[in-house]
N, C-alpha and C. Protein backbone atom coordinates (compact mmCIF):
# COMPACT_ATOMS: atom_id res chain seq x y z
N UNK A 1 -21.66 27.77 32.40
CA UNK A 1 -22.01 27.04 31.19
C UNK A 1 -23.52 26.84 31.10
N UNK A 2 -24.13 26.47 32.24
CA UNK A 2 -25.56 26.23 32.26
C UNK A 2 -26.33 27.51 31.98
N UNK A 3 -25.87 28.63 32.56
CA UNK A 3 -26.55 29.89 32.33
C UNK A 3 -26.42 30.32 30.87
N UNK A 4 -25.25 30.06 30.28
CA UNK A 4 -25.05 30.39 28.87
C UNK A 4 -26.02 29.59 28.00
N UNK A 5 -26.21 28.32 28.31
CA UNK A 5 -27.13 27.46 27.57
C UNK A 5 -28.56 27.98 27.70
N UNK A 6 -28.93 28.38 28.90
CA UNK A 6 -30.27 28.91 29.12
C UNK A 6 -30.49 30.20 28.33
N UNK A 7 -29.45 31.04 28.27
CA UNK A 7 -29.57 32.26 27.49
C UNK A 7 -29.74 31.95 26.00
N UNK A 8 -29.04 30.92 25.53
CA UNK A 8 -29.17 30.53 24.13
C UNK A 8 -30.60 30.07 23.81
N UNK A 9 -31.17 29.30 24.72
CA UNK A 9 -32.54 28.83 24.51
C UNK A 9 -33.53 29.99 24.55
N UNK A 10 -33.32 30.92 25.48
CA UNK A 10 -34.20 32.09 25.56
C UNK A 10 -34.09 32.93 24.29
N UNK A 11 -32.86 33.04 23.78
CA UNK A 11 -32.63 33.80 22.55
C UNK A 11 -33.32 33.13 21.37
N UNK A 12 -33.29 31.80 21.35
CA UNK A 12 -33.96 31.06 20.28
C UNK A 12 -35.46 31.29 20.33
N UNK A 13 -36.04 31.22 21.52
CA UNK A 13 -37.47 31.47 21.66
C UNK A 13 -37.83 32.87 21.18
N UNK A 14 -37.00 33.84 21.54
CA UNK A 14 -37.26 35.22 21.14
C UNK A 14 -37.24 35.37 19.62
N UNK A 15 -36.26 34.71 18.98
CA UNK A 15 -36.17 34.79 17.53
C UNK A 15 -37.38 34.12 16.85
N UNK A 16 -37.87 33.04 17.44
CA UNK A 16 -39.07 32.40 16.89
C UNK A 16 -40.29 33.31 17.00
N UNK A 17 -40.41 33.99 18.12
CA UNK A 17 -41.52 34.93 18.30
C UNK A 17 -41.41 36.07 17.28
N UNK A 18 -40.19 36.56 17.05
CA UNK A 18 -39.98 37.61 16.06
C UNK A 18 -40.32 37.12 14.65
N UNK A 19 -39.95 35.88 14.36
CA UNK A 19 -40.29 35.29 13.07
C UNK A 19 -41.81 35.21 12.92
N UNK A 20 -42.48 34.78 13.98
CA UNK A 20 -43.93 34.70 13.95
C UNK A 20 -44.57 36.06 13.73
N UNK A 21 -44.04 37.10 14.37
CA UNK A 21 -44.58 38.45 14.21
C UNK A 21 -44.40 38.95 12.78
N UNK A 22 -43.25 38.66 12.20
CA UNK A 22 -42.98 39.07 10.82
C UNK A 22 -43.93 38.37 9.85
N UNK A 23 -44.10 37.08 10.02
CA UNK A 23 -44.99 36.32 9.14
C UNK A 23 -46.44 36.77 9.33
N UNK A 24 -46.81 37.06 10.57
CA UNK A 24 -48.17 37.53 10.85
C UNK A 24 -48.44 38.84 10.13
N UNK A 25 -47.46 39.73 10.13
CA UNK A 25 -47.60 41.00 9.42
C UNK A 25 -47.73 40.75 7.91
N UNK A 26 -46.95 39.81 7.41
CA UNK A 26 -47.02 39.48 5.98
C UNK A 26 -48.43 39.01 5.60
N UNK A 27 -48.99 38.17 6.43
CA UNK A 27 -50.35 37.68 6.16
C UNK A 27 -51.38 38.80 6.21
N UNK A 28 -51.27 39.64 7.22
CA UNK A 28 -52.21 40.76 7.34
C UNK A 28 -52.16 41.64 6.10
N UNK A 29 -50.95 42.00 5.70
CA UNK A 29 -50.80 42.89 4.55
C UNK A 29 -51.25 42.21 3.26
N UNK A 30 -50.97 40.92 3.13
CA UNK A 30 -51.39 40.19 1.92
C UNK A 30 -52.91 40.16 1.81
N UNK A 31 -53.58 39.92 2.93
CA UNK A 31 -55.05 39.87 2.91
C UNK A 31 -55.64 41.25 2.64
N UNK A 32 -55.06 42.28 3.24
CA UNK A 32 -55.53 43.64 2.98
C UNK A 32 -55.33 44.01 1.51
N UNK A 33 -54.19 43.61 0.96
CA UNK A 33 -53.92 43.89 -0.45
C UNK A 33 -54.93 43.17 -1.34
N UNK A 34 -55.19 41.92 -1.05
CA UNK A 34 -56.08 41.11 -1.89
C UNK A 34 -57.50 41.65 -1.89
N UNK A 35 -58.07 41.82 -0.71
CA UNK A 35 -59.48 42.21 -0.63
C UNK A 35 -59.69 43.70 -0.85
N UNK A 36 -58.60 44.48 -0.78
CA UNK A 36 -58.71 45.91 -1.06
C UNK A 36 -58.22 46.28 -2.44
N UNK A 37 -57.74 45.30 -3.19
CA UNK A 37 -57.22 45.57 -4.52
C UNK A 37 -56.00 46.47 -4.51
N UNK A 38 -55.18 46.36 -3.47
CA UNK A 38 -54.02 47.25 -3.31
C UNK A 38 -52.76 46.58 -3.84
N UNK A 39 -52.44 46.88 -5.07
CA UNK A 39 -51.28 46.26 -5.70
C UNK A 39 -49.97 46.77 -5.09
N UNK A 40 -49.97 48.00 -4.58
CA UNK A 40 -48.76 48.54 -3.94
C UNK A 40 -48.41 47.75 -2.69
N UNK A 41 -49.42 47.43 -1.90
CA UNK A 41 -49.19 46.66 -0.67
C UNK A 41 -48.80 45.22 -1.00
N UNK A 42 -49.38 44.68 -2.06
CA UNK A 42 -49.02 43.33 -2.50
C UNK A 42 -47.54 43.27 -2.87
N UNK A 43 -47.07 44.29 -3.57
CA UNK A 43 -45.65 44.34 -3.95
C UNK A 43 -44.76 44.42 -2.71
N UNK A 44 -45.19 45.16 -1.70
CA UNK A 44 -44.41 45.27 -0.46
C UNK A 44 -44.28 43.91 0.22
N UNK A 45 -45.36 43.14 0.22
CA UNK A 45 -45.33 41.79 0.81
C UNK A 45 -44.33 40.91 0.07
N UNK A 46 -44.39 40.96 -1.26
CA UNK A 46 -43.49 40.14 -2.07
C UNK A 46 -42.04 40.53 -1.84
N UNK A 47 -41.76 41.82 -1.78
CA UNK A 47 -40.39 42.31 -1.58
C UNK A 47 -39.86 41.95 -0.20
N UNK A 48 -40.75 41.94 0.79
CA UNK A 48 -40.33 41.70 2.18
C UNK A 48 -40.10 40.22 2.47
N UNK A 49 -40.44 39.35 1.53
CA UNK A 49 -40.25 37.91 1.76
C UNK A 49 -38.79 37.55 2.01
N UNK A 50 -37.89 38.34 1.47
CA UNK A 50 -36.47 38.06 1.68
C UNK A 50 -36.12 38.14 3.17
N UNK A 51 -36.81 39.00 3.92
CA UNK A 51 -36.57 39.10 5.36
C UNK A 51 -36.99 37.81 6.06
N UNK A 52 -38.08 37.22 5.61
CA UNK A 52 -38.54 35.95 6.18
C UNK A 52 -37.51 34.86 5.93
N UNK A 53 -36.98 34.82 4.71
CA UNK A 53 -35.99 33.79 4.36
C UNK A 53 -34.71 33.94 5.17
N UNK A 54 -34.28 35.18 5.37
CA UNK A 54 -33.06 35.43 6.15
C UNK A 54 -33.25 34.96 7.60
N UNK A 55 -34.40 35.31 8.18
CA UNK A 55 -34.66 34.92 9.56
C UNK A 55 -34.80 33.40 9.68
N UNK A 56 -35.40 32.78 8.68
CA UNK A 56 -35.53 31.32 8.65
C UNK A 56 -34.15 30.67 8.72
N UNK A 57 -33.23 31.14 7.91
CA UNK A 57 -31.87 30.58 7.91
C UNK A 57 -31.16 30.81 9.23
N UNK A 58 -31.34 31.98 9.81
CA UNK A 58 -30.68 32.30 11.08
C UNK A 58 -31.16 31.38 12.21
N UNK A 59 -32.46 31.13 12.26
CA UNK A 59 -33.01 30.27 13.31
C UNK A 59 -32.54 28.83 13.11
N UNK A 60 -32.53 28.37 11.88
CA UNK A 60 -32.03 27.02 11.60
C UNK A 60 -30.59 26.86 12.07
N UNK A 61 -29.75 27.83 11.74
CA UNK A 61 -28.34 27.78 12.15
C UNK A 61 -28.22 27.82 13.67
N UNK A 62 -29.05 28.62 14.30
CA UNK A 62 -29.02 28.71 15.75
C UNK A 62 -29.37 27.36 16.39
N UNK A 63 -30.38 26.70 15.87
CA UNK A 63 -30.76 25.38 16.38
C UNK A 63 -29.63 24.37 16.17
N UNK A 64 -29.04 24.39 15.00
CA UNK A 64 -27.95 23.45 14.68
C UNK A 64 -26.75 23.67 15.59
N UNK A 65 -26.43 24.92 15.88
CA UNK A 65 -25.29 25.22 16.75
C UNK A 65 -25.54 24.72 18.18
N UNK A 66 -26.74 24.94 18.66
CA UNK A 66 -27.06 24.49 20.03
C UNK A 66 -27.01 22.97 20.10
N UNK A 67 -27.56 22.31 19.09
CA UNK A 67 -27.53 20.84 19.07
C UNK A 67 -26.10 20.31 19.05
N UNK A 68 -25.27 20.93 18.25
CA UNK A 68 -23.90 20.45 18.09
C UNK A 68 -23.03 20.72 19.31
N UNK A 69 -23.22 21.86 19.96
CA UNK A 69 -22.31 22.27 21.02
C UNK A 69 -22.80 21.94 22.42
N UNK A 70 -24.11 21.84 22.60
CA UNK A 70 -24.65 21.66 23.96
C UNK A 70 -25.22 20.28 24.22
N UNK A 71 -25.53 19.53 23.16
CA UNK A 71 -26.09 18.18 23.29
C UNK A 71 -27.23 18.13 24.31
N UNK A 72 -28.30 18.88 24.06
CA UNK A 72 -29.42 18.95 25.02
C UNK A 72 -30.17 17.63 25.12
N UNK A 73 -30.86 17.44 26.22
CA UNK A 73 -31.68 16.25 26.44
C UNK A 73 -33.04 16.68 26.96
N UNK A 74 -33.96 15.70 27.01
CA UNK A 74 -35.30 15.89 27.59
C UNK A 74 -36.01 17.09 26.99
N UNK A 75 -36.54 17.98 27.83
CA UNK A 75 -37.38 19.07 27.36
C UNK A 75 -36.59 20.05 26.50
N UNK A 76 -35.31 20.22 26.78
CA UNK A 76 -34.50 21.13 25.96
C UNK A 76 -34.32 20.59 24.55
N UNK A 77 -34.17 19.29 24.44
CA UNK A 77 -34.08 18.68 23.11
C UNK A 77 -35.40 18.80 22.39
N UNK A 78 -36.50 18.62 23.09
CA UNK A 78 -37.81 18.78 22.46
C UNK A 78 -38.01 20.21 21.97
N UNK A 79 -37.51 21.17 22.73
CA UNK A 79 -37.62 22.56 22.32
C UNK A 79 -36.91 22.79 20.98
N UNK A 80 -35.72 22.24 20.86
CA UNK A 80 -34.98 22.42 19.61
C UNK A 80 -35.65 21.73 18.44
N UNK A 81 -36.14 20.52 18.66
CA UNK A 81 -36.85 19.80 17.60
C UNK A 81 -38.10 20.57 17.19
N UNK A 82 -38.84 21.05 18.18
CA UNK A 82 -40.06 21.82 17.91
C UNK A 82 -39.73 23.14 17.22
N UNK A 83 -38.64 23.77 17.65
CA UNK A 83 -38.25 25.05 17.05
C UNK A 83 -37.93 24.90 15.57
N UNK A 84 -37.23 23.83 15.22
CA UNK A 84 -36.91 23.57 13.82
C UNK A 84 -38.19 23.37 13.01
N UNK A 85 -39.13 22.60 13.57
CA UNK A 85 -40.39 22.35 12.87
C UNK A 85 -41.20 23.63 12.74
N UNK A 86 -41.34 24.36 13.83
CA UNK A 86 -42.16 25.57 13.82
C UNK A 86 -41.56 26.61 12.88
N UNK A 87 -40.25 26.75 12.90
CA UNK A 87 -39.59 27.70 12.01
C UNK A 87 -39.85 27.36 10.55
N UNK A 88 -39.76 26.07 10.23
CA UNK A 88 -40.03 25.62 8.87
C UNK A 88 -41.46 25.93 8.45
N UNK A 89 -42.40 25.72 9.35
CA UNK A 89 -43.81 26.00 9.04
C UNK A 89 -44.04 27.50 8.87
N UNK A 90 -43.38 28.30 9.68
CA UNK A 90 -43.54 29.75 9.56
C UNK A 90 -43.00 30.26 8.23
N UNK A 91 -41.89 29.69 7.78
CA UNK A 91 -41.34 30.09 6.49
C UNK A 91 -42.34 29.77 5.38
N UNK A 92 -43.02 28.64 5.49
CA UNK A 92 -44.01 28.26 4.48
C UNK A 92 -45.25 29.15 4.56
N UNK A 93 -45.60 29.56 5.77
CA UNK A 93 -46.69 30.52 5.91
C UNK A 93 -46.33 31.83 5.21
N UNK A 94 -45.06 32.24 5.36
CA UNK A 94 -44.60 33.42 4.65
C UNK A 94 -44.71 33.27 3.15
N UNK A 95 -44.43 32.08 2.65
CA UNK A 95 -44.58 31.81 1.21
C UNK A 95 -46.03 31.95 0.77
N UNK A 96 -46.95 31.49 1.62
CA UNK A 96 -48.37 31.59 1.28
C UNK A 96 -48.81 33.05 1.25
N UNK A 97 -48.27 33.85 2.17
CA UNK A 97 -48.58 35.29 2.14
C UNK A 97 -48.18 35.89 0.80
N UNK A 98 -47.03 35.47 0.29
CA UNK A 98 -46.58 35.93 -1.03
C UNK A 98 -47.53 35.43 -2.12
N UNK A 99 -47.93 34.17 -2.03
CA UNK A 99 -48.85 33.60 -3.02
C UNK A 99 -50.18 34.37 -3.05
N UNK A 100 -50.67 34.72 -1.88
CA UNK A 100 -51.91 35.50 -1.81
C UNK A 100 -51.71 36.88 -2.42
N UNK A 101 -50.60 37.52 -2.06
CA UNK A 101 -50.31 38.86 -2.59
C UNK A 101 -50.19 38.84 -4.11
N UNK A 102 -49.62 37.77 -4.63
CA UNK A 102 -49.43 37.69 -6.08
C UNK A 102 -50.74 37.58 -6.85
N UNK A 103 -51.82 37.24 -6.18
CA UNK A 103 -53.13 37.13 -6.86
C UNK A 103 -53.89 38.46 -6.85
N UNK A 104 -53.33 39.47 -6.20
CA UNK A 104 -54.02 40.75 -6.06
C UNK A 104 -54.29 41.40 -7.41
N UNK A 105 -53.30 41.45 -8.27
CA UNK A 105 -53.47 42.10 -9.57
C UNK A 105 -54.56 41.42 -10.39
N UNK A 106 -54.56 40.09 -10.39
CA UNK A 106 -55.53 39.35 -11.20
C UNK A 106 -56.96 39.55 -10.71
N UNK A 107 -57.13 39.87 -9.43
CA UNK A 107 -58.48 39.99 -8.86
C UNK A 107 -58.86 41.42 -8.52
N UNK A 108 -58.01 42.37 -8.90
CA UNK A 108 -58.25 43.77 -8.53
C UNK A 108 -59.58 44.29 -9.06
N UNK A 109 -60.05 43.77 -10.20
CA UNK A 109 -61.30 44.22 -10.78
C UNK A 109 -62.47 43.30 -10.44
N UNK A 110 -62.22 42.35 -9.55
CA UNK A 110 -63.28 41.39 -9.19
C UNK A 110 -63.46 41.31 -7.69
N UNK A 111 -63.25 42.44 -7.00
CA UNK A 111 -63.30 42.41 -5.53
C UNK A 111 -64.69 42.09 -5.01
N UNK A 112 -65.75 42.49 -5.74
CA UNK A 112 -67.11 42.17 -5.28
C UNK A 112 -67.34 40.66 -5.32
N UNK A 113 -66.97 40.03 -6.40
CA UNK A 113 -67.07 38.57 -6.52
C UNK A 113 -66.24 37.90 -5.43
N UNK A 114 -65.04 38.43 -5.21
CA UNK A 114 -64.14 37.87 -4.20
C UNK A 114 -64.74 37.95 -2.81
N UNK A 115 -65.28 39.09 -2.47
CA UNK A 115 -65.79 39.31 -1.11
C UNK A 115 -67.07 38.53 -0.82
N UNK A 116 -67.81 38.15 -1.87
CA UNK A 116 -69.05 37.41 -1.66
C UNK A 116 -68.86 35.91 -1.80
N UNK A 117 -67.62 35.45 -1.90
CA UNK A 117 -67.35 34.03 -2.16
C UNK A 117 -67.12 33.21 -0.90
N UNK A 118 -67.08 33.86 0.26
CA UNK A 118 -66.76 33.25 1.54
C UNK A 118 -65.26 32.94 1.67
N UNK A 119 -64.48 33.33 0.66
CA UNK A 119 -63.03 33.18 0.78
C UNK A 119 -62.49 34.03 1.92
N UNK A 120 -63.07 35.22 2.08
CA UNK A 120 -62.60 36.10 3.15
C UNK A 120 -62.85 35.46 4.52
N UNK A 121 -64.01 34.84 4.68
CA UNK A 121 -64.31 34.15 5.93
C UNK A 121 -63.34 32.99 6.16
N UNK A 122 -63.05 32.27 5.10
CA UNK A 122 -62.14 31.13 5.17
C UNK A 122 -60.73 31.58 5.58
N UNK A 123 -60.27 32.68 4.97
CA UNK A 123 -58.95 33.20 5.31
C UNK A 123 -58.90 33.69 6.75
N UNK A 124 -59.97 34.33 7.21
CA UNK A 124 -60.00 34.84 8.58
C UNK A 124 -59.87 33.70 9.60
N UNK A 125 -60.53 32.59 9.33
CA UNK A 125 -60.43 31.45 10.24
C UNK A 125 -59.01 30.90 10.24
N UNK A 126 -58.42 30.77 9.05
CA UNK A 126 -57.04 30.28 8.97
C UNK A 126 -56.08 31.23 9.64
N UNK A 127 -56.34 32.55 9.51
CA UNK A 127 -55.48 33.55 10.16
C UNK A 127 -55.53 33.38 11.67
N UNK A 128 -56.73 33.17 12.20
CA UNK A 128 -56.86 32.98 13.65
C UNK A 128 -56.10 31.73 14.08
N UNK A 129 -56.17 30.69 13.26
CA UNK A 129 -55.44 29.46 13.58
C UNK A 129 -53.93 29.71 13.67
N UNK A 130 -53.40 30.49 12.74
CA UNK A 130 -51.97 30.80 12.77
C UNK A 130 -51.62 31.57 14.04
N UNK A 131 -52.40 32.58 14.34
CA UNK A 131 -52.12 33.39 15.53
C UNK A 131 -52.25 32.56 16.81
N UNK A 132 -53.28 31.73 16.88
CA UNK A 132 -53.47 30.92 18.08
C UNK A 132 -52.35 29.88 18.23
N UNK A 133 -51.88 29.36 17.12
CA UNK A 133 -50.77 28.39 17.21
C UNK A 133 -49.52 29.06 17.75
N UNK A 134 -49.27 30.30 17.32
CA UNK A 134 -48.12 31.04 17.84
C UNK A 134 -48.31 31.40 19.31
N UNK A 135 -49.53 31.81 19.66
CA UNK A 135 -49.83 32.12 21.06
C UNK A 135 -49.64 30.89 21.94
N UNK A 136 -50.02 29.72 21.42
CA UNK A 136 -49.88 28.50 22.21
C UNK A 136 -48.41 28.18 22.47
N UNK A 137 -47.56 28.52 21.50
CA UNK A 137 -46.12 28.32 21.70
C UNK A 137 -45.59 29.27 22.78
N UNK A 138 -45.99 30.53 22.70
CA UNK A 138 -45.51 31.53 23.67
C UNK A 138 -45.97 31.18 25.08
N UNK A 139 -47.24 30.76 25.21
CA UNK A 139 -47.81 30.47 26.54
C UNK A 139 -47.57 29.04 26.99
N UNK A 140 -47.12 28.17 26.07
CA UNK A 140 -46.93 26.76 26.41
C UNK A 140 -48.24 26.06 26.68
N UNK A 141 -49.28 26.42 25.92
CA UNK A 141 -50.62 25.88 26.16
C UNK A 141 -50.94 24.77 25.15
N UNK A 142 -50.90 23.53 25.61
CA UNK A 142 -51.29 22.41 24.76
C UNK A 142 -52.78 22.44 24.45
N UNK A 143 -53.59 22.97 25.38
CA UNK A 143 -55.04 23.04 25.17
C UNK A 143 -55.35 23.98 24.01
N UNK A 144 -54.70 25.12 23.97
CA UNK A 144 -54.93 26.05 22.88
C UNK A 144 -54.44 25.46 21.56
N UNK A 145 -53.32 24.76 21.59
CA UNK A 145 -52.82 24.09 20.40
C UNK A 145 -53.82 23.04 19.90
N UNK A 146 -54.45 22.34 20.83
CA UNK A 146 -55.45 21.34 20.46
C UNK A 146 -56.65 21.97 19.77
N UNK A 147 -57.04 23.16 20.20
CA UNK A 147 -58.16 23.85 19.56
C UNK A 147 -57.81 24.27 18.13
N UNK A 148 -56.56 24.62 17.92
CA UNK A 148 -56.11 24.96 16.56
C UNK A 148 -56.26 23.74 15.66
N UNK A 149 -55.82 22.60 16.13
CA UNK A 149 -55.89 21.37 15.34
C UNK A 149 -57.35 21.04 15.00
N UNK A 150 -58.25 21.24 15.96
CA UNK A 150 -59.67 20.95 15.74
C UNK A 150 -60.27 21.88 14.69
N UNK A 151 -59.73 23.09 14.56
CA UNK A 151 -60.27 24.06 13.60
C UNK A 151 -59.93 23.73 12.16
N UNK A 152 -58.98 22.83 11.95
CA UNK A 152 -58.57 22.50 10.58
C UNK A 152 -59.74 21.93 9.78
N UNK A 153 -60.57 21.14 10.42
CA UNK A 153 -61.73 20.57 9.73
C UNK A 153 -62.71 21.66 9.30
N UNK A 154 -62.82 22.71 10.09
CA UNK A 154 -63.71 23.82 9.75
C UNK A 154 -63.27 24.47 8.45
N UNK A 155 -61.97 24.70 8.32
CA UNK A 155 -61.43 25.32 7.11
C UNK A 155 -61.62 24.39 5.91
N UNK A 156 -61.37 23.11 6.10
CA UNK A 156 -61.52 22.15 5.00
C UNK A 156 -62.97 22.10 4.50
N UNK A 157 -63.91 22.06 5.44
CA UNK A 157 -65.32 22.01 5.06
C UNK A 157 -65.76 23.28 4.35
N UNK A 158 -65.30 24.42 4.86
CA UNK A 158 -65.63 25.69 4.23
C UNK A 158 -64.99 25.79 2.86
N UNK A 159 -63.79 25.22 2.73
CA UNK A 159 -63.12 25.21 1.44
C UNK A 159 -63.91 24.46 0.39
N UNK A 160 -64.43 23.31 0.76
CA UNK A 160 -65.23 22.52 -0.19
C UNK A 160 -66.50 23.26 -0.60
N UNK A 161 -67.14 23.88 0.38
CA UNK A 161 -68.36 24.64 0.09
C UNK A 161 -68.06 25.84 -0.81
N UNK A 162 -66.98 26.54 -0.51
CA UNK A 162 -66.60 27.71 -1.30
C UNK A 162 -66.23 27.30 -2.72
N UNK A 163 -65.54 26.18 -2.86
CA UNK A 163 -65.16 25.67 -4.18
C UNK A 163 -66.42 25.45 -5.03
N UNK A 164 -67.41 24.78 -4.45
CA UNK A 164 -68.63 24.49 -5.20
C UNK A 164 -69.35 25.78 -5.60
N UNK A 165 -69.38 26.74 -4.70
CA UNK A 165 -70.07 28.01 -4.98
C UNK A 165 -69.38 28.77 -6.11
N UNK A 166 -68.07 28.80 -6.09
CA UNK A 166 -67.33 29.51 -7.14
C UNK A 166 -67.51 28.82 -8.49
N UNK A 167 -67.43 27.51 -8.51
CA UNK A 167 -67.62 26.78 -9.76
C UNK A 167 -69.01 27.03 -10.33
N UNK A 168 -70.01 27.06 -9.46
CA UNK A 168 -71.37 27.33 -9.91
C UNK A 168 -71.48 28.74 -10.51
N UNK A 169 -70.83 29.70 -9.90
CA UNK A 169 -70.84 31.07 -10.42
C UNK A 169 -70.15 31.14 -11.78
N UNK A 170 -69.07 30.38 -11.94
CA UNK A 170 -68.35 30.34 -13.21
C UNK A 170 -69.21 29.73 -14.31
N UNK A 171 -70.01 28.75 -13.95
CA UNK A 171 -70.89 28.11 -14.93
C UNK A 171 -72.03 29.02 -15.36
N UNK A 172 -72.46 29.87 -14.43
CA UNK A 172 -73.61 30.74 -14.70
C UNK A 172 -73.21 32.04 -15.39
N UNK A 173 -71.95 32.44 -15.25
CA UNK A 173 -71.52 33.73 -15.79
C UNK A 173 -70.10 33.59 -16.36
N UNK A 174 -69.97 33.67 -17.68
CA UNK A 174 -68.65 33.51 -18.31
C UNK A 174 -67.64 34.55 -17.85
N UNK A 175 -68.12 35.73 -17.45
CA UNK A 175 -67.22 36.78 -17.00
C UNK A 175 -66.51 36.41 -15.70
N UNK A 176 -67.04 35.41 -15.00
CA UNK A 176 -66.45 35.01 -13.73
C UNK A 176 -65.50 33.83 -13.86
N UNK A 177 -65.32 33.34 -15.08
CA UNK A 177 -64.46 32.18 -15.27
C UNK A 177 -63.00 32.50 -14.91
N UNK A 178 -62.49 33.61 -15.43
CA UNK A 178 -61.08 33.94 -15.20
C UNK A 178 -60.80 34.26 -13.73
N UNK A 179 -61.55 35.19 -13.10
CA UNK A 179 -61.29 35.44 -11.68
C UNK A 179 -61.62 34.22 -10.81
N UNK A 180 -62.63 33.46 -11.21
CA UNK A 180 -62.98 32.27 -10.45
C UNK A 180 -61.86 31.26 -10.42
N UNK A 181 -61.16 31.10 -11.55
CA UNK A 181 -60.03 30.16 -11.59
C UNK A 181 -58.94 30.58 -10.61
N UNK A 182 -58.70 31.89 -10.51
CA UNK A 182 -57.71 32.39 -9.55
C UNK A 182 -58.16 32.14 -8.12
N UNK A 183 -59.44 32.32 -7.88
CA UNK A 183 -59.98 32.11 -6.53
C UNK A 183 -59.93 30.64 -6.12
N UNK A 184 -60.08 29.74 -7.07
CA UNK A 184 -59.95 28.32 -6.75
C UNK A 184 -58.53 27.99 -6.30
N UNK A 185 -57.55 28.65 -6.92
CA UNK A 185 -56.16 28.48 -6.49
C UNK A 185 -55.99 29.02 -5.07
N UNK A 186 -56.64 30.14 -4.78
CA UNK A 186 -56.54 30.73 -3.44
C UNK A 186 -57.11 29.80 -2.36
N UNK A 187 -58.18 29.09 -2.70
CA UNK A 187 -58.74 28.13 -1.74
C UNK A 187 -57.66 27.14 -1.31
N UNK A 188 -56.92 26.64 -2.28
CA UNK A 188 -55.85 25.69 -1.97
C UNK A 188 -54.80 26.32 -1.05
N UNK A 189 -54.43 27.57 -1.33
CA UNK A 189 -53.44 28.25 -0.50
C UNK A 189 -53.94 28.41 0.94
N UNK A 190 -55.21 28.74 1.09
CA UNK A 190 -55.77 28.94 2.43
C UNK A 190 -55.83 27.61 3.18
N UNK A 191 -56.19 26.55 2.49
CA UNK A 191 -56.18 25.23 3.14
C UNK A 191 -54.78 24.87 3.61
N UNK A 192 -53.78 25.19 2.82
CA UNK A 192 -52.39 24.93 3.22
C UNK A 192 -52.00 25.81 4.41
N UNK A 193 -52.52 27.03 4.44
CA UNK A 193 -52.25 27.92 5.57
C UNK A 193 -52.75 27.30 6.87
N UNK A 194 -53.96 26.75 6.82
CA UNK A 194 -54.51 26.08 8.00
C UNK A 194 -53.70 24.85 8.36
N UNK A 195 -53.21 24.14 7.35
CA UNK A 195 -52.37 22.96 7.61
C UNK A 195 -51.09 23.35 8.34
N UNK A 196 -50.48 24.45 7.92
CA UNK A 196 -49.23 24.89 8.57
C UNK A 196 -49.50 25.31 10.02
N UNK A 197 -50.62 25.97 10.25
CA UNK A 197 -50.99 26.33 11.63
C UNK A 197 -51.17 25.07 12.46
N UNK A 198 -51.79 24.05 11.87
CA UNK A 198 -51.98 22.77 12.56
C UNK A 198 -50.64 22.12 12.88
N UNK A 199 -49.71 22.18 11.94
CA UNK A 199 -48.39 21.59 12.18
C UNK A 199 -47.64 22.31 13.30
N UNK A 200 -47.79 23.63 13.36
CA UNK A 200 -47.17 24.38 14.46
C UNK A 200 -47.79 23.94 15.78
N UNK A 201 -49.10 23.80 15.80
CA UNK A 201 -49.78 23.37 17.03
C UNK A 201 -49.33 21.98 17.46
N UNK A 202 -49.12 21.10 16.49
CA UNK A 202 -48.63 19.76 16.82
C UNK A 202 -47.23 19.83 17.43
N UNK A 203 -46.41 20.76 16.92
CA UNK A 203 -45.08 20.95 17.51
C UNK A 203 -45.15 21.44 18.94
N UNK A 204 -46.13 22.28 19.21
CA UNK A 204 -46.30 22.80 20.58
C UNK A 204 -46.70 21.67 21.52
N UNK A 205 -47.62 20.81 21.08
CA UNK A 205 -48.04 19.69 21.93
C UNK A 205 -46.88 18.75 22.20
N UNK A 206 -46.06 18.51 21.18
CA UNK A 206 -44.87 17.69 21.38
C UNK A 206 -43.93 18.32 22.40
N UNK A 207 -43.76 19.63 22.30
CA UNK A 207 -42.88 20.33 23.23
C UNK A 207 -43.40 20.27 24.66
N UNK A 208 -44.69 20.54 24.84
CA UNK A 208 -45.26 20.67 26.18
C UNK A 208 -45.54 19.32 26.83
N UNK A 209 -46.07 18.38 26.05
CA UNK A 209 -46.54 17.12 26.62
C UNK A 209 -45.79 15.89 26.13
N UNK A 210 -44.80 16.10 25.26
CA UNK A 210 -44.02 14.98 24.69
C UNK A 210 -44.92 13.97 23.99
N UNK A 211 -45.98 14.48 23.33
CA UNK A 211 -46.91 13.62 22.59
C UNK A 211 -46.79 13.89 21.10
N UNK A 212 -46.78 12.83 20.32
CA UNK A 212 -46.81 12.95 18.88
C UNK A 212 -48.25 12.78 18.41
N UNK A 213 -48.85 13.87 17.92
CA UNK A 213 -50.26 13.81 17.55
C UNK A 213 -50.47 13.81 16.03
N UNK A 214 -49.41 13.92 15.27
CA UNK A 214 -49.53 13.91 13.81
C UNK A 214 -50.13 12.57 13.37
N UNK A 215 -51.21 12.65 12.56
CA UNK A 215 -51.92 11.46 12.05
C UNK A 215 -52.51 10.61 13.20
N UNK A 216 -52.55 11.20 14.39
CA UNK A 216 -53.06 10.44 15.54
C UNK A 216 -53.83 11.36 16.49
N UNK A 217 -54.90 12.02 15.99
CA UNK A 217 -55.62 12.99 16.81
C UNK A 217 -56.27 12.38 18.05
N UNK A 218 -56.37 11.06 18.12
CA UNK A 218 -56.98 10.41 19.26
C UNK A 218 -56.24 10.62 20.57
N UNK A 219 -54.94 11.05 20.48
CA UNK A 219 -54.18 11.24 21.71
C UNK A 219 -54.47 12.60 22.34
N UNK A 220 -55.21 13.46 21.64
CA UNK A 220 -55.52 14.77 22.20
C UNK A 220 -56.50 14.66 23.36
């Protein structure tokens, strides 16, 4: 019975890693589509979102079954709680990948403006945060998770600076009003992307150290 339970937990971890890899691919393709003006790749990201949703449901059901049948305690219970949270955040990251891909058509003729707006830099930082949060889960590194949380302020500050720069460009050039409005929406999506990476990192710290750091960064 104990070995069966251990296999179930190992299987859950594997599925979470697979979910992370799928979402990571979605983000990569969405960013390539956006900054390369590739509407074909954007469509592929949007179509593939159904795979993310299916995996999200499967992991949720797996967690619920283990909770109901095995009644885990201590670190095993923390793993299940963290898995539910991390899975939920990954599904939302997948949604953001779709949101980014959906802006490709509107910005396909404004790639120069897009690339000089620092949005690309902002997305790259958020992308690293997502990957590092997933790596921290795989390695069980609370220290790496803590660094992800600290990076959230970097994205927020860059977001405010980028917002001001885009608005100024829109004021100076009427031709940039329409693409600029789309880019302002993208800033919000990227900030949310960093938030989801932060939430995953908080789940890792809870799993590894049994600490609740949400709204309480002083415990790091």
